[in-house]
Each structure stands twice: as structure tokens, then as C-alpha cells.
Amino acid sequence: FFEAAVDYRFLNDDGRSHFHGRGLVRVRNAGGPTLGASSSFRLFPDWLPFLLQAEGDAYWQQPAGLGKGDLETSVRTALTASHFRRIGPKTHHVPTFSVFGRYLSMEDDGGYGPGRVDRDIHTDYKQDHRFGLRLSDALSHRPWLDTLWRIGGRVALNENLNPLEPDHIRLTAEWRQALGDIFLQGRYRFTHYFADGDRDDSADEHRIGGEIVWEKRIGRTHRLEIGLDLSHEFPSDETLGAFRFAWHFDRGRGYRDFRDAEVGFKDLRSRKRHRWPGP
């Protein structure tokens, strides 16, 4: 498929609130195009020791084809609380608590045929998990300014919210490296799905992947990004690839409106930006 998106980000002057909105259109080989909209609002008030985030997204598609059949819809909302805890000058971890709920207009595959329904509209997993709760933690270590290591873990509960009957557990490992204008990432993800009311047998899933991104500053008000992302999943033996082209109209604000999690090595990139010559 081909996807085009427009993003808007804004960090308040006091640094305690952040907004990110996105609109997209996705053209697929099979089925009609998908329209999507998402937004997130992050708040870190003085009177709370943790950060709050409210987010939501909505998608629309006619799987039978543009102008044909029913218009299918999915809507998701989530509320997250997280706390940044520094362990040392180069190490920190972020425990996170999240609850979510979703609405799907489709109760099953709708008989549309394979590949016609966008995964943001409906999957069997989404159908069986309309709401839930997730607990996670991520430990990050930055031995050098241009290197980052991160490991994480997550437990996701089923709709009954019984902590003794989780839906799955997930472990992740990530490496990031900055090389001038090139940024590299390698990652691994392991997920164990427990047998439950929606799944007769337990199952394991492994995914390895990597990304390379090159960026170029265009004067002091624009920035170009080109990236390639590849991943392989087993035992399904599925390989995914994505080529990304992004043009940032930052009006001279640089990386100010980006969260640290959205852009790697934000501090290094910001310092380098001030050394780039103007137009």
C-alpha cells in the first residue's frame, strides 16, 4: 500500500503540555482506500508526579471498493500514565500504565475476501480485545552520546482484567546509533500469547527488524528525512518493508515540538541544527 500523512505537533512554552495530530490516506492493492485521523495530548502538571496522555484514532474504509458497499469504521481511545525515573547519569526507566477501548463496526471479516480489509479497520485480535489494560516498563542506557540501548517488558490483560489470566507478555530489546546525518536502529521483540477463551493454544511470536534514516537540513526552516525499515516475523515467516519520505516544515522550531521518543538523539540533532548555515 501507499500512505500519505500530514502531522502537526506543538509543545507549549512551559514544556508541560504537548499535542500531536495526524491525518492520513492509505491506498491499497485490494479494497478501497483508508482514511484515518489520530491525536494525542500529553500533560505533565506541577501537581502530579507522573505524565498523563490521552489519545484516540479513527479509521474509515469501504473494503468492497471506493463507492461500493458499506463504510466500515473503527475508533480507539486510550489513557496512559507514565513516570520517568532516573537511575544514574546515563540510565533511566519509565514504568507505564495504560487502559484502552475500541469500537469496530465489523463483527467478523464481513466476507470481503483476503487482503481487502485494512488492519486498522478490523482484525480477529481487535475483535476479541475491545478494551483492556497494559502494564509496562522500559529501561534505557546511553553509554555514549551517540549510542542508546533499551530493553522493555509488557503485560497485557484480557477484557476480564484478571491479572492471573493475562492475554500476553512481551519483551523487547533495541539499539540506536547516530552516525552524523545517518541514524540506525536494530530491534527484537518476543511475544508469548497465553491460551484463553479466545485462543485454544498458547503461541510465541518473534520479530527482528532494523531501520536506517538519513536527514538533510534545508536552510533553517525545512528538514528532509528519508528512511528504510525492514522486519521479519517468525514462525509466520513474514517479511515487511517500508520506505519513508518526510518533509518537515518546522518554521525554524527544529525539534522543539517532537517528543524524545519520536526522534532519536534529539539533543544531538538540536545542537547540530544550530551549526547548519541558513539559506
C-alpha atoms as a PDB file:
ATOM      1  CA  PHE A   1       0.000   0.000   0.000  1.00  0.00           C
ATOM      2  CA  PHE A   2       0.902   3.657  -0.297  1.00  0.00           C
ATOM      3  CA  GLU A   3       0.257   6.073   2.561  1.00  0.00           C
ATOM      4  CA  ALA A   4       0.368   9.859   2.681  1.00  0.00           C
ATOM      5  CA  ALA A   5       0.059  11.660   6.016  1.00  0.00           C
ATOM      6  CA  VAL A   6       0.116  15.183   7.419  1.00  0.00           C
ATOM      7  CA  ASP A   7       1.253  15.760  11.014  1.00  0.00           C
ATOM      8  CA  TYR A   8       1.021  18.717  13.358  1.00  0.00           C
ATOM      9  CA  ARG A   9       2.946  18.903  16.638  1.00  0.00           C
ATOM     10  CA  PHE A  10       3.073  21.622  19.267  1.00  0.00           C
ATOM     11  CA  LEU A  11       4.918  21.814  22.593  1.00  0.00           C
ATOM     12  CA  ASN A  12       3.700  24.510  24.935  1.00  0.00           C
ATOM     13  CA  ASP A  13       6.230  27.133  26.018  1.00  0.00           C
ATOM     14  CA  ASP A  14       6.301  25.831  29.587  1.00  0.00           C
ATOM     15  CA  GLY A  15       7.113  22.321  28.327  1.00  0.00           C
ATOM     16  CA  ARG A  16       4.237  20.786  30.297  1.00  0.00           C
ATOM     17  CA  SER A  17       1.764  20.028  27.512  1.00  0.00           C
ATOM     18  CA  HIS A  18       2.181  18.564  24.050  1.00  0.00           C
ATOM     19  CA  PHE A  19      -0.232  17.941  21.162  1.00  0.00           C
ATOM     20  CA  HIS A  20       0.216  15.730  18.108  1.00  0.00           C
ATOM     21  CA  GLY A  21      -2.396  15.331  15.392  1.00  0.00           C
ATOM     22  CA  ARG A  22      -2.292  13.312  12.167  1.00  0.00           C
ATOM     23  CA  GLY A  23      -4.472  12.792   9.113  1.00  0.00           C
ATOM     24  CA  LEU A  24      -3.750  10.099   6.532  1.00  0.00           C
ATOM     25  CA  VAL A  25      -4.962   8.390   3.386  1.00  0.00           C
ATOM     26  CA  ARG A  26      -3.845   4.842   2.557  1.00  0.00           C
ATOM     27  CA  VAL A  27      -4.250   3.396  -0.943  1.00  0.00           C
ATOM     28  CA  ARG A  28      -4.242  -0.389  -1.058  1.00  0.00           C
ATOM     29  CA  ASN A  29      -3.770  -3.021  -3.758  1.00  0.00           C
ATOM     30  CA  ALA A  30      -7.074  -4.620  -2.732  1.00  0.00           C
ATOM     31  CA  GLY A  31     -10.094  -2.954  -1.185  1.00  0.00           C
ATOM     32  CA  GLY A  32     -10.938   0.714  -1.044  1.00  0.00           C
ATOM     33  CA  PRO A  33      -8.642   3.407   0.314  1.00  0.00           C
ATOM     34  CA  THR A  34      -8.480   4.039   4.061  1.00  0.00           C
ATOM     35  CA  LEU A  35      -8.872   7.422   5.727  1.00  0.00           C
ATOM     36  CA  GLY A  36      -7.547   7.956   9.221  1.00  0.00           C
ATOM     37  CA  ALA A  37      -7.224  10.623  11.881  1.00  0.00           C
ATOM     38  CA  SER A  38      -5.431  10.472  15.223  1.00  0.00           C
ATOM     39  CA  SER A  39      -4.470  12.799  18.036  1.00  0.00           C
ATOM     40  CA  SER A  40      -2.695  12.674  21.363  1.00  0.00           C
ATOM     41  CA  PHE A  41      -2.446  15.173  24.181  1.00  0.00           C
ATOM     42  CA  ARG A  42       0.242  14.870  26.877  1.00  0.00           C
ATOM     43  CA  LEU A  43       0.120  16.767  30.141  1.00  0.00           C
ATOM     44  CA  PHE A  44       2.740  16.986  32.907  1.00  0.00           C
ATOM     45  CA  PRO A  45       1.302  19.358  35.526  1.00  0.00           C
ATOM     46  CA  ASP A  46       3.238  20.625  38.531  1.00  0.00           C
ATOM     47  CA  TRP A  47       0.879  18.894  40.957  1.00  0.00           C
ATOM     48  CA  LEU A  48       1.346  15.378  39.531  1.00  0.00           C
ATOM     49  CA  PRO A  49       4.477  13.213  39.838  1.00  0.00           C
ATOM     50  CA  PHE A  50       3.702  11.477  36.545  1.00  0.00           C
ATOM     51  CA  LEU A  51       2.784  12.256  32.956  1.00  0.00           C
ATOM     52  CA  LEU A  52      -0.738  11.796  31.555  1.00  0.00           C
ATOM     53  CA  GLN A  53      -1.549  11.098  27.922  1.00  0.00           C
ATOM     54  CA  ALA A  54      -4.958  10.900  26.242  1.00  0.00           C
ATOM     55  CA  GLU A  55      -5.056   9.642  22.680  1.00  0.00           C
ATOM     56  CA  GLY A  56      -7.511   8.451  20.083  1.00  0.00           C
ATOM     57  CA  ASP A  57      -7.761   7.451  16.446  1.00  0.00           C
ATOM     58  CA  ALA A  58     -10.452   6.675  13.906  1.00  0.00           C
ATOM     59  CA  TYR A  59     -10.374   4.940  10.501  1.00  0.00           C
ATOM     60  CA  TRP A  60     -12.856   4.603   7.658  1.00  0.00           C
ATOM     61  CA  GLN A  61     -12.836   2.267   4.650  1.00  0.00           C
ATOM     62  CA  GLN A  62     -15.108   0.694   2.057  1.00  0.00           C
ATOM     63  CA  PRO A  63     -13.458  -2.748   1.718  1.00  0.00           C
ATOM     64  CA  ALA A  64     -15.524  -3.650  -1.339  1.00  0.00           C
ATOM     65  CA  GLY A  65     -14.032  -0.674  -3.186  1.00  0.00           C
ATOM     66  CA  LEU A  66     -14.395   3.088  -3.338  1.00  0.00           C
ATOM     67  CA  GLY A  67     -18.096   3.921  -3.627  1.00  0.00           C
ATOM     68  CA  LYS A  68     -19.103   0.274  -3.165  1.00  0.00           C
ATOM     69  CA  GLY A  69     -20.649  -1.481  -0.191  1.00  0.00           C
ATOM     70  CA  ASP A  70     -20.713  -0.415   3.439  1.00  0.00           C
ATOM     71  CA  LEU A  71     -18.442   2.173   5.020  1.00  0.00           C
ATOM     72  CA  GLU A  72     -16.634   0.372   7.840  1.00  0.00           C
ATOM     73  CA  THR A  73     -15.304   2.216  10.881  1.00  0.00           C
ATOM     74  CA  SER A  74     -13.009   1.678  13.839  1.00  0.00           C
ATOM     75  CA  VAL A  75     -12.432   4.035  16.782  1.00  0.00           C
ATOM     76  CA  ARG A  76      -9.924   3.639  19.625  1.00  0.00           C
ATOM     77  CA  THR A  77      -9.255   5.706  22.741  1.00  0.00           C
ATOM     78  CA  ALA A  78      -6.584   5.237  25.407  1.00  0.00           C
ATOM     79  CA  LEU A  79      -5.433   6.867  28.630  1.00  0.00           C
ATOM     80  CA  THR A  80      -1.839   6.417  29.800  1.00  0.00           C
ATOM     81  CA  ALA A  81       0.101   7.375  32.908  1.00  0.00           C
ATOM     82  CA  SER A  82       3.911   7.117  32.961  1.00  0.00           C
ATOM     83  CA  HIS A  83       6.746   8.206  35.217  1.00  0.00           C
ATOM     84  CA  PHE A  84      10.330   8.995  34.220  1.00  0.00           C
ATOM     85  CA  ARG A  85      12.715   7.669  36.861  1.00  0.00           C
ATOM     86  CA  ARG A  86      16.444   8.345  36.564  1.00  0.00           C
ATOM     87  CA  ILE A  87      18.745   5.625  37.905  1.00  0.00           C
ATOM     88  CA  GLY A  88      22.054   7.297  37.053  1.00  0.00           C
ATOM     89  CA  PRO A  89      23.514   9.940  34.737  1.00  0.00           C
ATOM     90  CA  LYS A  90      23.264   7.554  31.755  1.00  0.00           C
ATOM     91  CA  THR A  91      20.373   5.305  32.757  1.00  0.00           C
ATOM     92  CA  HIS A  92      16.645   5.696  33.361  1.00  0.00           C
ATOM     93  CA  HIS A  93      13.448   3.685  33.233  1.00  0.00           C
ATOM     94  CA  VAL A  94       9.815   4.557  32.510  1.00  0.00           C
ATOM     95  CA  PRO A  95       7.020   2.469  34.098  1.00  0.00           C
ATOM     96  CA  THR A  96       3.704   2.890  32.281  1.00  0.00           C
ATOM     97  CA  PHE A  97       0.050   2.095  32.984  1.00  0.00           C
ATOM     98  CA  SER A  98      -2.477   2.211  30.136  1.00  0.00           C
ATOM     99  CA  VAL A  99      -6.163   1.456  29.578  1.00  0.00           C
ATOM    100  CA  PHE A 100      -7.854   1.410  26.173  1.00  0.00           C
ATOM    101  CA  GLY A 101     -11.186   0.785  24.493  1.00  0.00           C
ATOM    102  CA  ARG A 102     -12.215   0.410  20.865  1.00  0.00           C
ATOM    103  CA  TYR A 103     -15.298   0.286  18.667  1.00  0.00           C
ATOM    104  CA  LEU A 104     -15.433  -1.808  15.481  1.00  0.00           C
ATOM    105  CA  SER A 105     -18.304  -1.645  13.010  1.00  0.00           C
ATOM    106  CA  MET A 106     -17.384  -5.124  11.747  1.00  0.00           C
ATOM    107  CA  GLU A 107     -18.136  -8.172  13.901  1.00  0.00           C
ATOM    108  CA  ASP A 108     -16.183 -10.563  11.646  1.00  0.00           C
ATOM    109  CA  ASP A 109     -14.297 -10.453   8.350  1.00  0.00           C
ATOM    110  CA  GLY A 110     -17.504  -9.431   6.556  1.00  0.00           C
ATOM    111  CA  GLY A 111     -16.896 -11.873   3.731  1.00  0.00           C
ATOM    112  CA  TYR A 112     -14.810  -9.296   1.863  1.00  0.00           C
ATOM    113  CA  GLY A 113     -12.037 -11.711   0.996  1.00  0.00           C
ATOM    114  CA  PRO A 114      -8.365 -11.784   1.995  1.00  0.00           C
ATOM    115  CA  GLY A 115      -6.429  -8.531   1.912  1.00  0.00           C
ATOM    116  CA  ARG A 116      -9.377  -6.218   1.327  1.00  0.00           C
ATOM    117  CA  VAL A 117      -9.954  -5.075   4.921  1.00  0.00           C
ATOM    118  CA  ASP A 118      -7.384  -2.679   6.371  1.00  0.00           C
ATOM    119  CA  ARG A 119      -5.817  -3.943   9.599  1.00  0.00           C
ATOM    120  CA  ASP A 120      -6.725  -0.655  11.299  1.00  0.00           C
ATOM    121  CA  ILE A 121     -10.391  -1.367  10.474  1.00  0.00           C
ATOM    122  CA  HIS A 122     -10.643  -4.945  11.703  1.00  0.00           C
ATOM    123  CA  THR A 123      -8.587  -7.945  12.781  1.00  0.00           C
ATOM    124  CA  ASP A 124      -9.613 -11.019  14.746  1.00  0.00           C
ATOM    125  CA  TYR A 125      -7.375  -9.857  17.594  1.00  0.00           C
ATOM    126  CA  LYS A 126      -9.037  -6.423  17.752  1.00  0.00           C
ATOM    127  CA  GLN A 127     -12.462  -8.071  17.668  1.00  0.00           C
ATOM    128  CA  ASP A 128     -11.601 -10.231  20.683  1.00  0.00           C
ATOM    129  CA  HIS A 129      -9.996  -7.355  22.623  1.00  0.00           C
ATOM    130  CA  ARG A 130     -12.385  -4.389  22.635  1.00  0.00           C
ATOM    131  CA  PHE A 131     -10.882  -2.990  25.819  1.00  0.00           C
ATOM    132  CA  GLY A 132      -8.008  -3.859  28.131  1.00  0.00           C
ATOM    133  CA  LEU A 133      -5.219  -2.806  30.442  1.00  0.00           C
ATOM    134  CA  ARG A 134      -1.453  -2.850  29.934  1.00  0.00           C
ATOM    135  CA  LEU A 135       1.455  -2.526  32.366  1.00  0.00           C
ATOM    136  CA  SER A 136       4.948  -1.966  31.000  1.00  0.00           C
ATOM    137  CA  ASP A 137       8.430  -0.731  31.834  1.00  0.00           C
ATOM    138  CA  ALA A 138      11.382   0.301  29.666  1.00  0.00           C
ATOM    139  CA  LEU A 139      14.994   0.573  30.816  1.00  0.00           C
ATOM    140  CA  SER A 140      17.274   2.825  28.729  1.00  0.00           C
ATOM    141  CA  HIS A 141      21.052   3.178  28.951  1.00  0.00           C
ATOM    142  CA  ARG A 142      23.109   5.667  26.934  1.00  0.00           C
ATOM    143  CA  PRO A 143      26.783   4.701  27.336  1.00  0.00           C
ATOM    144  CA  TRP A 144      27.857   7.343  24.804  1.00  0.00           C
ATOM    145  CA  LEU A 145      26.110  10.396  23.387  1.00  0.00           C
ATOM    146  CA  ASP A 146      25.595   8.676  20.023  1.00  0.00           C
ATOM    147  CA  THR A 147      24.504   5.251  21.342  1.00  0.00           C
ATOM    148  CA  LEU A 148      21.339   4.073  23.080  1.00  0.00           C
ATOM    149  CA  TRP A 149      20.403   0.631  24.437  1.00  0.00           C
ATOM    150  CA  ARG A 150      16.882  -0.154  25.635  1.00  0.00           C
ATOM    151  CA  ILE A 151      15.093  -3.214  26.991  1.00  0.00           C
ATOM    152  CA  GLY A 152      11.440  -3.419  27.933  1.00  0.00           C
ATOM    153  CA  GLY A 153       8.646  -5.655  29.123  1.00  0.00           C
ATOM    154  CA  ARG A 154       4.855  -5.551  28.977  1.00  0.00           C
ATOM    155  CA  VAL A 155       1.889  -7.473  30.375  1.00  0.00           C
ATOM    156  CA  ALA A 156      -1.498  -7.084  28.650  1.00  0.00           C
ATOM    157  CA  LEU A 157      -4.707  -8.209  30.332  1.00  0.00           C
ATOM    158  CA  ASN A 158      -7.822  -9.617  28.728  1.00  0.00           C
ATOM    159  CA  GLU A 159     -11.219  -7.944  28.829  1.00  0.00           C
ATOM    160  CA  ASN A 160     -11.958  -9.547  32.204  1.00  0.00           C
ATOM    161  CA  LEU A 161      -8.972  -7.594  33.628  1.00  0.00           C
ATOM    162  CA  ASN A 162      -7.889 -10.625  35.650  1.00  0.00           C
ATOM    163  CA  PRO A 163      -4.140 -10.247  36.376  1.00  0.00           C
ATOM    164  CA  LEU A 164      -3.879 -14.036  36.799  1.00  0.00           C
ATOM    165  CA  GLU A 165      -5.140 -14.602  33.239  1.00  0.00           C
ATOM    166  CA  PRO A 166      -3.154 -12.183  31.028  1.00  0.00           C
ATOM    167  CA  ASP A 167      -3.554 -12.125  27.264  1.00  0.00           C
ATOM    168  CA  HIS A 168       0.163 -11.875  26.531  1.00  0.00           C
ATOM    169  CA  ILE A 169       3.577 -10.837  27.777  1.00  0.00           C
ATOM    170  CA  ARG A 170       6.134  -9.044  25.590  1.00  0.00           C
ATOM    171  CA  LEU A 171       9.887  -8.482  25.845  1.00  0.00           C
ATOM    172  CA  THR A 172      11.797  -6.043  23.649  1.00  0.00           C
ATOM    173  CA  ALA A 173      15.393  -5.062  23.002  1.00  0.00           C
ATOM    174  CA  GLU A 174      16.565  -2.068  20.942  1.00  0.00           C
ATOM    175  CA  TRP A 175      19.824  -0.466  19.826  1.00  0.00           C
ATOM    176  CA  ARG A 176      20.127   3.016  18.312  1.00  0.00           C
ATOM    177  CA  GLN A 177      23.209   4.625  16.812  1.00  0.00           C
ATOM    178  CA  ALA A 178      23.862   8.107  15.419  1.00  0.00           C
ATOM    179  CA  LEU A 179      26.439   8.462  12.625  1.00  0.00           C
ATOM    180  CA  GLY A 180      26.421  12.098  11.575  1.00  0.00           C
ATOM    181  CA  ASP A 181      23.308  12.618   9.441  1.00  0.00           C
ATOM    182  CA  ILE A 182      22.525   8.880   9.474  1.00  0.00           C
ATOM    183  CA  PHE A 183      20.585   7.171  12.284  1.00  0.00           C
ATOM    184  CA  LEU A 184      20.467   3.404  12.712  1.00  0.00           C
ATOM    185  CA  GLN A 185      18.151   1.201  14.732  1.00  0.00           C
ATOM    186  CA  GLY A 186      18.099  -2.537  15.425  1.00  0.00           C
ATOM    187  CA  ARG A 187      15.326  -4.210  17.401  1.00  0.00           C
ATOM    188  CA  TYR A 188      13.980  -7.548  18.605  1.00  0.00           C
ATOM    189  CA  ARG A 189      10.538  -8.383  20.009  1.00  0.00           C
ATOM    190  CA  PHE A 190       9.295 -11.562  21.658  1.00  0.00           C
ATOM    191  CA  THR A 191       5.599 -12.070  22.477  1.00  0.00           C
ATOM    192  CA  HIS A 192       4.032 -15.005  24.282  1.00  0.00           C
ATOM    193  CA  TYR A 193       0.249 -15.320  23.885  1.00  0.00           C
ATOM    194  CA  PHE A 194      -1.472 -17.371  26.572  1.00  0.00           C
ATOM    195  CA  ALA A 195      -4.217 -19.875  25.889  1.00  0.00           C
ATOM    196  CA  ASP A 196      -7.542 -18.358  26.957  1.00  0.00           C
ATOM    197  CA  GLY A 197     -11.163 -18.040  25.928  1.00  0.00           C
ATOM    198  CA  ASP A 198     -10.166 -16.549  22.569  1.00  0.00           C
ATOM    199  CA  ARG A 199      -7.180 -18.820  21.927  1.00  0.00           C
ATOM    200  CA  ASP A 200      -7.124 -22.610  22.240  1.00  0.00           C
ATOM    201  CA  ASP A 201      -3.337 -22.914  22.493  1.00  0.00           C
ATOM    202  CA  SER A 202      -0.525 -20.645  23.601  1.00  0.00           C
ATOM    203  CA  ALA A 203       1.727 -19.225  20.886  1.00  0.00           C
ATOM    204  CA  ASP A 204       5.080 -17.464  20.586  1.00  0.00           C
ATOM    205  CA  GLU A 205       5.957 -14.728  18.122  1.00  0.00           C
ATOM    206  CA  HIS A 206       9.417 -13.356  17.309  1.00  0.00           C
ATOM    207  CA  ARG A 207      10.154 -10.248  15.278  1.00  0.00           C
ATOM    208  CA  ILE A 208      13.520  -8.775  14.328  1.00  0.00           C
ATOM    209  CA  GLY A 209      13.964  -5.554  12.417  1.00  0.00           C
ATOM    210  CA  GLY A 210      16.040  -2.529  11.658  1.00  0.00           C
ATOM    211  CA  GLU A 211      15.802   0.979  10.276  1.00  0.00           C
ATOM    212  CA  ILE A 212      18.153   3.448   8.632  1.00  0.00           C
ATOM    213  CA  VAL A 213      17.263   7.149   8.374  1.00  0.00           C
ATOM    214  CA  TRP A 214      19.117   9.947   6.627  1.00  0.00           C
ATOM    215  CA  GLU A 215      18.209  13.575   7.201  1.00  0.00           C
ATOM    216  CA  LYS A 216      19.173  16.802   5.494  1.00  0.00           C
ATOM    217  CA  ARG A 217      18.503  20.306   6.727  1.00  0.00           C
ATOM    218  CA  ILE A 218      17.160  22.664   4.038  1.00  0.00           C
ATOM    219  CA  GLY A 219      18.017  26.129   5.302  1.00  0.00           C
ATOM    220  CA  ARG A 220      16.732  26.886   8.795  1.00  0.00           C
ATOM    221  CA  THR A 221      13.036  26.227   8.252  1.00  0.00           C
ATOM    222  CA  HIS A 222      12.805  22.844   6.499  1.00  0.00           C
ATOM    223  CA  ARG A 223      14.133  19.342   7.007  1.00  0.00           C
ATOM    224  CA  LEU A 224      14.132  16.278   4.760  1.00  0.00           C
ATOM    225  CA  GLU A 225      14.043  12.697   6.067  1.00  0.00           C
ATOM    226  CA  ILE A 226      14.434   9.502   4.044  1.00  0.00           C
ATOM    227  CA  GLY A 227      14.188   6.142   5.784  1.00  0.00           C
ATOM    228  CA  LEU A 228      14.054   2.407   5.113  1.00  0.00           C
ATOM    229  CA  ASP A 229      12.557  -0.045   7.615  1.00  0.00           C
ATOM    230  CA  LEU A 230      12.698  -3.863   7.357  1.00  0.00           C
ATOM    231  CA  SER A 231      11.377  -6.526   9.723  1.00  0.00           C
ATOM    232  CA  HIS A 232      10.915 -10.294   9.712  1.00  0.00           C
ATOM    233  CA  GLU A 233       8.459 -12.246  11.821  1.00  0.00           C
ATOM    234  CA  PHE A 234       8.559 -15.925  12.639  1.00  0.00           C
ATOM    235  CA  PRO A 235       7.199 -18.574  12.805  1.00  0.00           C
ATOM    236  CA  SER A 236       4.865 -16.876  10.278  1.00  0.00           C
ATOM    237  CA  ASP A 237       7.942 -16.230   8.065  1.00  0.00           C
ATOM    238  CA  GLU A 238       6.532 -12.825   7.062  1.00  0.00           C
ATOM    239  CA  THR A 239       8.838 -10.034   5.917  1.00  0.00           C
ATOM    240  CA  LEU A 240       7.713  -6.403   5.924  1.00  0.00           C
ATOM    241  CA  GLY A 241       9.410  -3.394   4.390  1.00  0.00           C
ATOM    242  CA  ALA A 242       8.611   0.312   4.306  1.00  0.00           C
ATOM    243  CA  PHE A 243      10.225   3.258   2.555  1.00  0.00           C
ATOM    244  CA  ARG A 244       9.576   6.631   4.180  1.00  0.00           C
ATOM    245  CA  PHE A 245       9.944  10.141   2.821  1.00  0.00           C
ATOM    246  CA  ALA A 246       9.136  13.074   5.102  1.00  0.00           C
ATOM    247  CA  TRP A 247       9.391  16.827   4.638  1.00  0.00           C
ATOM    248  CA  HIS A 248       9.209  18.877   7.844  1.00  0.00           C
ATOM    249  CA  PHE A 249       8.016  22.478   7.720  1.00  0.00           C
ATOM    250  CA  ASP A 250       9.230  23.428  11.181  1.00  0.00           C
ATOM    251  CA  ARG A 251       9.333  27.228  10.718  1.00  0.00           C
ATOM    252  CA  GLY A 252      12.695  27.315  12.437  1.00  0.00           C
ATOM    253  CA  ARG A 253      11.491  25.447  15.566  1.00  0.00           C
ATOM    254  CA  GLY A 254      13.732  22.480  14.763  1.00  0.00           C
ATOM    255  CA  TYR A 255      12.985  19.513  17.013  1.00  0.00           C
ATOM    256  CA  ARG A 256      11.277  21.526  19.748  1.00  0.00           C
ATOM    257  CA  ASP A 257       7.804  20.084  19.063  1.00  0.00           C
ATOM    258  CA  PHE A 258       8.993  16.459  18.879  1.00  0.00           C
ATOM    259  CA  ARG A 259       8.923  14.180  21.890  1.00  0.00           C
ATOM    260  CA  ASP A 260      12.174  12.397  22.730  1.00  0.00           C
ATOM    261  CA  ALA A 261      10.530   9.065  21.858  1.00  0.00           C
ATOM    262  CA  GLU A 262       9.605  10.316  18.379  1.00  0.00           C
ATOM    263  CA  VAL A 263      13.072  11.366  17.263  1.00  0.00           C
ATOM    264  CA  GLY A 264      16.230   9.614  18.399  1.00  0.00           C
ATOM    265  CA  PHE A 265      19.123  11.642  19.828  1.00  0.00           C
ATOM    266  CA  LYS A 266      17.080  14.815  19.975  1.00  0.00           C
ATOM    267  CA  ASP A 267      19.799  16.659  21.895  1.00  0.00           C
ATOM    268  CA  LEU A 268      22.500  15.844  19.311  1.00  0.00           C
ATOM    269  CA  ARG A 269      20.270  16.799  16.409  1.00  0.00           C
ATOM    270  CA  SER A 270      19.318  20.079  18.052  1.00  0.00           C
ATOM    271  CA  ARG A 271      22.959  21.043  18.637  1.00  0.00           C
ATOM    272  CA  LYS A 272      23.851  20.220  15.049  1.00  0.00           C
ATOM    273  CA  ARG A 273      20.900  22.242  13.780  1.00  0.00           C
ATOM    274  CA  HIS A 274      22.366  25.428  15.272  1.00  0.00           C
ATOM    275  CA  ARG A 275      25.570  24.846  13.306  1.00  0.00           C
ATOM    276  CA  TRP A 276      23.787  24.465   9.971  1.00  0.00           C
ATOM    277  CA  PRO A 277      24.064  27.596   7.798  1.00  0.00           C
ATOM    278  CA  GLY A 278      20.988  29.494   6.777  1.00  0.00           C
ATOM    279  CA  PRO A 279      19.682  29.720   3.205  1.00  0.00           C
END
